[in-house]
Amino acid sequence: MKEYSRKVRKAEARHRYWHIQKSDREFFPDTDAVFNLEFDGDVYEMKINHKDDIMTGKLYARRRFLEGDRIILTKKNAKLYSLDAPDTELYPS
């Protein structure tokens, strides 16, 4: 299994997306290809848009991602990834 890890940037936290750098693009599926992301016991359908961004608004139902929070994605197979976000907190009710 491959792993991708980095910290969330300020604009990404504010606008609820993660931008993928060109150097890391090969880790992820093609643009507009749907993949599954396991996080907090749920599976979310995600995809990468034409700007190499993953829109993460769905994940905010449970957790909030703030600037500096670490995200760790593990590739289990071509269409299944798991997310670990050890620094995130529960989204306030």
C-alpha atoms as a PDB file:
ATOM      1  CA  MET A   1       0.000   0.000   0.000  1.00  0.00           C
ATOM      2  CA  LYS A   2       1.181   3.476  -0.819  1.00  0.00           C
ATOM      3  CA  GLU A   3       0.762   6.454   1.489  1.00  0.00           C
ATOM      4  CA  TYR A   4       0.312  10.196   0.917  1.00  0.00           C
ATOM      5  CA  SER A   5       0.718  12.595   3.824  1.00  0.00           C
ATOM      6  CA  ARG A   6       0.769  16.367   4.246  1.00  0.00           C
ATOM      7  CA  LYS A   7      -0.734  19.282   6.178  1.00  0.00           C
ATOM      8  CA  VAL A   8      -3.890  21.143   5.139  1.00  0.00           C
ATOM      9  CA  ARG A   9      -3.246  24.674   3.894  1.00  0.00           C
ATOM     10  CA  LYS A  10      -5.224  27.743   5.017  1.00  0.00           C
ATOM     11  CA  ALA A  11      -7.217  28.195   1.772  1.00  0.00           C
ATOM     12  CA  GLU A  12      -7.976  24.457   1.634  1.00  0.00           C
ATOM     13  CA  ALA A  13      -9.403  24.476   5.158  1.00  0.00           C
ATOM     14  CA  ARG A  14     -11.470  27.566   4.449  1.00  0.00           C
ATOM     15  CA  HIS A  15     -12.901  26.444   1.105  1.00  0.00           C
ATOM     16  CA  ARG A  16     -13.099  22.711   1.869  1.00  0.00           C
ATOM     17  CA  TYR A  17     -10.858  21.183  -0.758  1.00  0.00           C
ATOM     18  CA  TRP A  18      -7.396  19.613  -1.013  1.00  0.00           C
ATOM     19  CA  HIS A  19      -5.168  20.537  -3.924  1.00  0.00           C
ATOM     20  CA  ILE A  20      -2.891  17.859  -5.330  1.00  0.00           C
ATOM     21  CA  GLN A  21       0.544  18.957  -6.474  1.00  0.00           C
ATOM     22  CA  LYS A  22       1.779  17.684  -9.842  1.00  0.00           C
ATOM     23  CA  SER A  23       4.544  15.732  -8.119  1.00  0.00           C
ATOM     24  CA  ASP A  24       1.911  13.751  -6.141  1.00  0.00           C
ATOM     25  CA  ARG A  25      -0.658  13.355  -8.924  1.00  0.00           C
ATOM     26  CA  GLU A  26       0.318   9.769  -9.816  1.00  0.00           C
ATOM     27  CA  PHE A  27      -0.854   8.572  -6.371  1.00  0.00           C
ATOM     28  CA  PHE A  28      -4.467   9.465  -7.180  1.00  0.00           C
ATOM     29  CA  PRO A  29      -6.935   8.274  -9.841  1.00  0.00           C
ATOM     30  CA  ASP A  30      -7.554  10.141 -13.079  1.00  0.00           C
ATOM     31  CA  THR A  31      -9.554  13.356 -13.196  1.00  0.00           C
ATOM     32  CA  ASP A  32     -13.316  12.798 -12.782  1.00  0.00           C
ATOM     33  CA  ALA A  33     -12.827   9.102 -11.929  1.00  0.00           C
ATOM     34  CA  VAL A  34     -14.896   8.232  -8.864  1.00  0.00           C
ATOM     35  CA  PHE A  35     -13.052   6.582  -5.989  1.00  0.00           C
ATOM     36  CA  ASN A  36     -14.072   5.544  -2.482  1.00  0.00           C
ATOM     37  CA  LEU A  37     -12.583   7.123   0.608  1.00  0.00           C
ATOM     38  CA  GLU A  38     -12.943   5.381   3.971  1.00  0.00           C
ATOM     39  CA  PHE A  39     -12.996   7.818   6.887  1.00  0.00           C
ATOM     40  CA  ASP A  40     -14.372   7.557  10.420  1.00  0.00           C
ATOM     41  CA  GLY A  41     -16.200   4.301   9.675  1.00  0.00           C
ATOM     42  CA  ASP A  42     -17.984   5.628   6.580  1.00  0.00           C
ATOM     43  CA  VAL A  43     -17.206   5.378   2.871  1.00  0.00           C
ATOM     44  CA  TYR A  44     -17.480   8.505   0.727  1.00  0.00           C
ATOM     45  CA  GLU A  45     -17.529   8.705  -3.064  1.00  0.00           C
ATOM     46  CA  MET A  46     -14.981  11.306  -4.129  1.00  0.00           C
ATOM     47  CA  LYS A  47     -13.369  12.470  -7.351  1.00  0.00           C
ATOM     48  CA  ILE A  48     -10.667  14.843  -8.491  1.00  0.00           C
ATOM     49  CA  ASN A  49     -11.798  17.820 -10.547  1.00  0.00           C
ATOM     50  CA  HIS A  50     -10.130  19.428 -13.564  1.00  0.00           C
ATOM     51  CA  LYS A  51      -8.024  21.670 -11.272  1.00  0.00           C
ATOM     52  CA  ASP A  52      -6.547  18.657  -9.431  1.00  0.00           C
ATOM     53  CA  ASP A  53      -8.644  19.367  -6.340  1.00  0.00           C
ATOM     54  CA  ILE A  54     -10.574  16.953  -4.152  1.00  0.00           C
ATOM     55  CA  MET A  55     -13.693  18.664  -2.838  1.00  0.00           C
ATOM     56  CA  THR A  56     -13.945  17.631   0.824  1.00  0.00           C
ATOM     57  CA  GLY A  57     -17.224  19.212   1.930  1.00  0.00           C
ATOM     58  CA  LYS A  58     -18.773  15.769   2.558  1.00  0.00           C
ATOM     59  CA  LEU A  59     -16.132  15.031   5.193  1.00  0.00           C
ATOM     60  CA  TYR A  60     -17.103  18.108   7.220  1.00  0.00           C
ATOM     61  CA  ALA A  61     -20.315  16.411   8.361  1.00  0.00           C
ATOM     62  CA  ARG A  62     -18.257  14.827  11.139  1.00  0.00           C
ATOM     63  CA  ARG A  63     -14.866  16.490  11.281  1.00  0.00           C
ATOM     64  CA  ARG A  64     -13.418  19.888  10.614  1.00  0.00           C
ATOM     65  CA  PHE A  65     -10.101  20.258   8.875  1.00  0.00           C
ATOM     66  CA  LEU A  66      -8.131  23.289   9.997  1.00  0.00           C
ATOM     67  CA  GLU A  67      -4.929  24.816   8.690  1.00  0.00           C
ATOM     68  CA  GLY A  68      -2.008  22.651   9.737  1.00  0.00           C
ATOM     69  CA  ASP A  69      -4.030  19.478  10.348  1.00  0.00           C
ATOM     70  CA  ARG A  70      -2.256  16.408   8.989  1.00  0.00           C
ATOM     71  CA  ILE A  71      -4.018  14.182   6.464  1.00  0.00           C
ATOM     72  CA  ILE A  72      -2.754  10.703   5.660  1.00  0.00           C
ATOM     73  CA  LEU A  73      -4.259   8.842   2.714  1.00  0.00           C
ATOM     74  CA  THR A  74      -3.479   5.192   2.155  1.00  0.00           C
ATOM     75  CA  LYS A  75      -4.126   3.581  -1.223  1.00  0.00           C
ATOM     76  CA  LYS A  76      -5.661   0.149  -0.720  1.00  0.00           C
ATOM     77  CA  ASN A  77      -6.407  -0.484  -4.405  1.00  0.00           C
ATOM     78  CA  ALA A  78      -7.144   1.490  -7.592  1.00  0.00           C
ATOM     79  CA  LYS A  79     -10.528   2.728  -6.356  1.00  0.00           C
ATOM     80  CA  LEU A  80     -10.252   2.522  -2.568  1.00  0.00           C
ATOM     81  CA  TYR A  81      -8.360   4.857  -0.258  1.00  0.00           C
ATOM     82  CA  SER A  82      -8.482   5.324   3.496  1.00  0.00           C
ATOM     83  CA  LEU A  83      -8.036   8.616   5.314  1.00  0.00           C
ATOM     84  CA  ASP A  84      -6.504   9.172   8.716  1.00  0.00           C
ATOM     85  CA  ALA A  85      -6.664  12.699  10.091  1.00  0.00           C
ATOM     86  CA  PRO A  86      -5.160  12.530  13.585  1.00  0.00           C
ATOM     87  CA  ASP A  87      -5.220  16.293  14.229  1.00  0.00           C
ATOM     88  CA  THR A  88      -8.854  16.955  13.309  1.00  0.00           C
ATOM     89  CA  GLU A  89     -11.592  17.569  15.839  1.00  0.00           C
ATOM     90  CA  LEU A  90     -15.258  16.660  15.794  1.00  0.00           C
ATOM     91  CA  TYR A  91     -17.336  19.256  14.020  1.00  0.00           C
ATOM     92  CA  PRO A  92     -19.222  21.296  16.626  1.00  0.00           C
ATOM     93  CA  SER A  93     -22.933  20.558  16.846  1.00  0.00           C
END
